[in-house]
């Protein structure tokens, strides 16, 4: 399922991915390392 959220200031597209995808898991870990200290994001 694809979704596109649009406003005049923001465009976000999402796509569904399979669980256990190694590339997606690695990207998620990198994103958490970057955003956690800045935005106090909790690991799930």
PDB file of N, CA and C in Angstrom:
ATOM      1  N   UNK A   1       0.841  -1.182   0.000  1.00  0.00           N
ATOM      2  CA  UNK A   1       0.000   0.000   0.000  1.00  0.00           C
ATOM      3  C   UNK A   1       0.883   1.240   0.000  1.00  0.00           C
ATOM      4  N   UNK A   2       0.621   2.172  -0.883  1.00  0.00           N
ATOM      5  CA  UNK A   2       1.345   3.435  -0.931  1.00  0.00           C
ATOM      6  C   UNK A   2       0.438   4.540  -0.429  1.00  0.00           C
ATOM      7  N   UNK A   3       1.034   5.475   0.278  1.00  0.00           N
ATOM      8  CA  UNK A   3       0.302   6.647   0.721  1.00  0.00           C
ATOM      9  C   UNK A   3       1.149   7.868   0.415  1.00  0.00           C
ATOM     10  N   UNK A   4       0.500   8.934   0.051  1.00  0.00           N
ATOM     11  CA  UNK A   4       1.192  10.203  -0.138  1.00  0.00           C
ATOM     12  C   UNK A   4       0.452  11.255   0.663  1.00  0.00           C
ATOM     13  N   UNK A   5       1.173  11.891   1.562  1.00  0.00           N
ATOM     14  CA  UNK A   5       0.618  12.978   2.371  1.00  0.00           C
ATOM     15  C   UNK A   5       1.181  14.266   1.802  1.00  0.00           C
ATOM     16  N   UNK A   6       0.326  15.195   1.451  1.00  0.00           N
ATOM     17  CA  UNK A   6       0.792  16.402   0.795  1.00  0.00           C
ATOM     18  C   UNK A   6       0.189  17.627   1.440  1.00  0.00           C
ATOM     19  N   UNK A   7       1.015  18.635   1.565  1.00  0.00           N
ATOM     20  CA  UNK A   7       0.560  19.973   1.927  1.00  0.00           C
ATOM     21  C   UNK A   7       1.454  20.944   1.160  1.00  0.00           C
ATOM     22  N   UNK A   8       1.147  22.218   1.138  1.00  0.00           N
ATOM     23  CA  UNK A   8       1.992  23.161   0.399  1.00  0.00           C
ATOM     24  C   UNK A   8       3.439  23.176   0.895  1.00  0.00           C
ATOM     25  N   UNK A   9       3.675  22.781   2.156  1.00  0.00           N
ATOM     26  CA  UNK A   9       5.017  22.836   2.721  1.00  0.00           C
ATOM     27  C   UNK A   9       5.716  21.483   2.785  1.00  0.00           C
ATOM     28  N   UNK A  10       4.972  20.384   2.679  1.00  0.00           N
ATOM     29  CA  UNK A  10       5.549  19.072   2.939  1.00  0.00           C
ATOM     30  C   UNK A  10       4.983  18.029   1.990  1.00  0.00           C
ATOM     31  N   UNK A  11       5.842  17.127   1.525  1.00  0.00           N
ATOM     32  CA  UNK A  11       5.407  15.976   0.745  1.00  0.00           C
ATOM     33  C   UNK A  11       6.066  14.746   1.350  1.00  0.00           C
ATOM     34  N   UNK A  12       5.251  13.799   1.806  1.00  0.00           N
ATOM     35  CA  UNK A  12       5.763  12.579   2.410  1.00  0.00           C
ATOM     36  C   UNK A  12       5.125  11.398   1.680  1.00  0.00           C
ATOM     37  N   UNK A  13       5.954  10.494   1.198  1.00  0.00           N
ATOM     38  CA  UNK A  13       5.455   9.279   0.560  1.00  0.00           C
ATOM     39  C   UNK A  13       5.859   8.092   1.427  1.00  0.00           C
ATOM     40  N   UNK A  14       4.954   7.139   1.591  1.00  0.00           N
ATOM     41  CA  UNK A  14       5.265   5.944   2.365  1.00  0.00           C
ATOM     42  C   UNK A  14       4.983   4.716   1.519  1.00  0.00           C
ATOM     43  N   UNK A  15       5.772   3.684   1.722  1.00  0.00           N
ATOM     44  CA  UNK A  15       5.546   2.404   1.073  1.00  0.00           C
ATOM     45  C   UNK A  15       5.677   1.312   2.126  1.00  0.00           C
ATOM     46  N   UNK A  16       4.913   0.263   1.972  1.00  0.00           N
ATOM     47  CA  UNK A  16       4.963  -0.854   2.901  1.00  0.00           C
ATOM     48  C   UNK A  16       6.185  -1.715   2.593  1.00  0.00           C
ATOM     49  N   UNK A  17       6.892  -2.155   3.631  1.00  0.00           N
ATOM     50  CA  UNK A  17       8.049  -3.038   3.451  1.00  0.00           C
ATOM     51  C   UNK A  17       7.837  -4.302   4.268  1.00  0.00           C
ATOM     52  N   UNK A  18       8.477  -5.369   3.831  1.00  0.00           N
ATOM     53  CA  UNK A  18       8.372  -6.640   4.543  1.00  0.00           C
ATOM     54  C   UNK A  18       9.171  -6.583   5.834  1.00  0.00           C
ATOM     55  N   UNK A  19       8.675  -7.272   6.864  1.00  0.00           N
ATOM     56  CA  UNK A  19       9.403  -7.377   8.130  1.00  0.00           C
ATOM     57  C   UNK A  19      10.700  -8.148   7.893  1.00  0.00           C
ATOM     58  N   UNK A  20      11.735  -7.750   8.610  1.00  0.00           N
ATOM     59  CA  UNK A  20      12.994  -8.479   8.524  1.00  0.00           C
ATOM     60  C   UNK A  20      13.866  -8.110   7.347  1.00  0.00           C
ATOM     61  N   UNK A  21      13.582  -7.008   6.676  1.00  0.00           N
ATOM     62  CA  UNK A  21      14.415  -6.549   5.563  1.00  0.00           C
ATOM     63  C   UNK A  21      15.686  -5.950   6.148  1.00  0.00           C
ATOM     64  N   UNK A  22      16.840  -6.553   5.860  1.00  0.00           N
ATOM     65  CA  UNK A  22      18.107  -6.134   6.470  1.00  0.00           C
ATOM     66  C   UNK A  22      18.469  -4.688   6.148  1.00  0.00           C
ATOM     67  N   UNK A  23      18.213  -4.254   4.918  1.00  0.00           N
ATOM     68  CA  UNK A  23      18.544  -2.874   4.535  1.00  0.00           C
ATOM     69  C   UNK A  23      17.669  -1.891   5.312  1.00  0.00           C
ATOM     70  N   UNK A  24      16.375  -2.163   5.387  1.00  0.00           N
ATOM     71  CA  UNK A  24      15.463  -1.286   6.118  1.00  0.00           C
ATOM     72  C   UNK A  24      15.831  -1.264   7.600  1.00  0.00           C
ATOM     73  N   UNK A  25      16.167  -2.424   8.158  1.00  0.00           N
ATOM     74  CA  UNK A  25      16.566  -2.484   9.563  1.00  0.00           C
ATOM     75  C   UNK A  25      17.808  -1.638   9.816  1.00  0.00           C
ATOM     76  N   UNK A  26      18.786  -1.682   8.906  1.00  0.00           N
ATOM     77  CA  UNK A  26      20.001  -0.890   9.061  1.00  0.00           C
ATOM     78  C   UNK A  26      19.696   0.604   8.966  1.00  0.00           C
ATOM     79  N   UNK A  27      18.852   0.988   8.022  1.00  0.00           N
ATOM     80  CA  UNK A  27      18.474   2.400   7.878  1.00  0.00           C
ATOM     81  C   UNK A  27      17.743   2.881   9.127  1.00  0.00           C
ATOM     82  N   UNK A  28      16.860   2.033   9.675  1.00  0.00           N
ATOM     83  CA  UNK A  28      16.135   2.393  10.892  1.00  0.00           C
ATOM     84  C   UNK A  28      17.096   2.611  12.056  1.00  0.00           C
ATOM     85  N   UNK A  29      18.084   1.750  12.200  1.00  0.00           N
ATOM     86  CA  UNK A  29      19.054   1.895  13.284  1.00  0.00           C
ATOM     87  C   UNK A  29      19.857   3.192  13.146  1.00  0.00           C
ATOM     88  N   UNK A  30      20.269   3.511  11.930  1.00  0.00           N
ATOM     89  CA  UNK A  30      21.009   4.760  11.690  1.00  0.00           C
ATOM     90  C   UNK A  30      20.124   5.958  12.015  1.00  0.00           C
ATOM     91  N   UNK A  31      18.866   5.923  11.571  1.00  0.00           N
ATOM     92  CA  UNK A  31      17.943   7.028  11.842  1.00  0.00           C
ATOM     93  C   UNK A  31      17.737   7.202  13.340  1.00  0.00           C
ATOM     94  N   UNK A  32      17.589   6.104  14.065  1.00  0.00           N
ATOM     95  CA  UNK A  32      17.400   6.187  15.515  1.00  0.00           C
ATOM     96  C   UNK A  32      18.631   6.802  16.184  1.00  0.00           C
ATOM     97  N   UNK A  33      19.828   6.442  15.730  1.00  0.00           N
ATOM     98  CA  UNK A  33      21.050   7.001  16.311  1.00  0.00           C
ATOM     99  C   UNK A  33      21.144   8.500  16.059  1.00  0.00           C
ATOM    100  N   UNK A  34      20.653   8.943  14.909  1.00  0.00           N
ATOM    101  CA  UNK A  34      20.705  10.365  14.573  1.00  0.00           C
ATOM    102  C   UNK A  34      19.626  11.147  15.317  1.00  0.00           C
ATOM    103  N   UNK A  35      18.383  10.626  15.314  1.00  0.00           N
ATOM    104  CA  UNK A  35      17.263  11.388  15.858  1.00  0.00           C
ATOM    105  C   UNK A  35      17.070  11.243  17.359  1.00  0.00           C
ATOM    106  N   UNK A  36      17.494  10.129  17.939  1.00  0.00           N
ATOM    107  CA  UNK A  36      17.246   9.909  19.363  1.00  0.00           C
ATOM    108  C   UNK A  36      17.831  11.021  20.232  1.00  0.00           C
ATOM    109  N   UNK A  37      19.107  11.376  20.066  1.00  0.00           N
ATOM    110  CA  UNK A  37      19.624  12.446  20.938  1.00  0.00           C
ATOM    111  C   UNK A  37      18.982  13.810  20.670  1.00  0.00           C
ATOM    112  N   UNK A  38      18.623  14.060  19.427  1.00  0.00           N
ATOM    113  CA  UNK A  38      18.101  15.382  19.085  1.00  0.00           C
ATOM    114  C   UNK A  38      16.644  15.563  19.483  1.00  0.00           C
ATOM    115  N   UNK A  39      15.849  14.506  19.313  1.00  0.00           N
ATOM    116  CA  UNK A  39      14.415  14.624  19.539  1.00  0.00           C
ATOM    117  C   UNK A  39      13.911  13.764  20.676  1.00  0.00           C
ATOM    118  N   UNK A  40      14.832  13.126  21.417  1.00  0.00           N
ATOM    119  CA  UNK A  40      14.480  12.274  22.551  1.00  0.00           C
ATOM    120  C   UNK A  40      13.514  11.179  22.129  1.00  0.00           C
ATOM    121  N   UNK A  41      13.816  10.537  20.991  1.00  0.00           N
ATOM    122  CA  UNK A  41      12.991   9.454  20.462  1.00  0.00           C
ATOM    123  C   UNK A  41      13.339   8.165  21.206  1.00  0.00           C
ATOM    124  N   UNK A  42      12.318   7.429  21.615  1.00  0.00           N
ATOM    125  CA  UNK A  42      12.530   6.158  22.317  1.00  0.00           C
ATOM    126  C   UNK A  42      12.546   5.022  21.324  1.00  0.00           C
ATOM    127  N   UNK A  43      13.471   4.069  21.524  1.00  0.00           N
ATOM    128  CA  UNK A  43      13.525   2.877  20.680  1.00  0.00           C
ATOM    129  C   UNK A  43      12.304   2.020  20.971  1.00  0.00           C
ATOM    130  N   UNK A  44      11.762   1.395  19.942  1.00  0.00           N
ATOM    131  CA  UNK A  44      10.539   0.612  20.152  1.00  0.00           C
ATOM    132  C   UNK A  44      10.809  -0.713  20.719  1.00  0.00           C
TER     133      UNK A  44
END
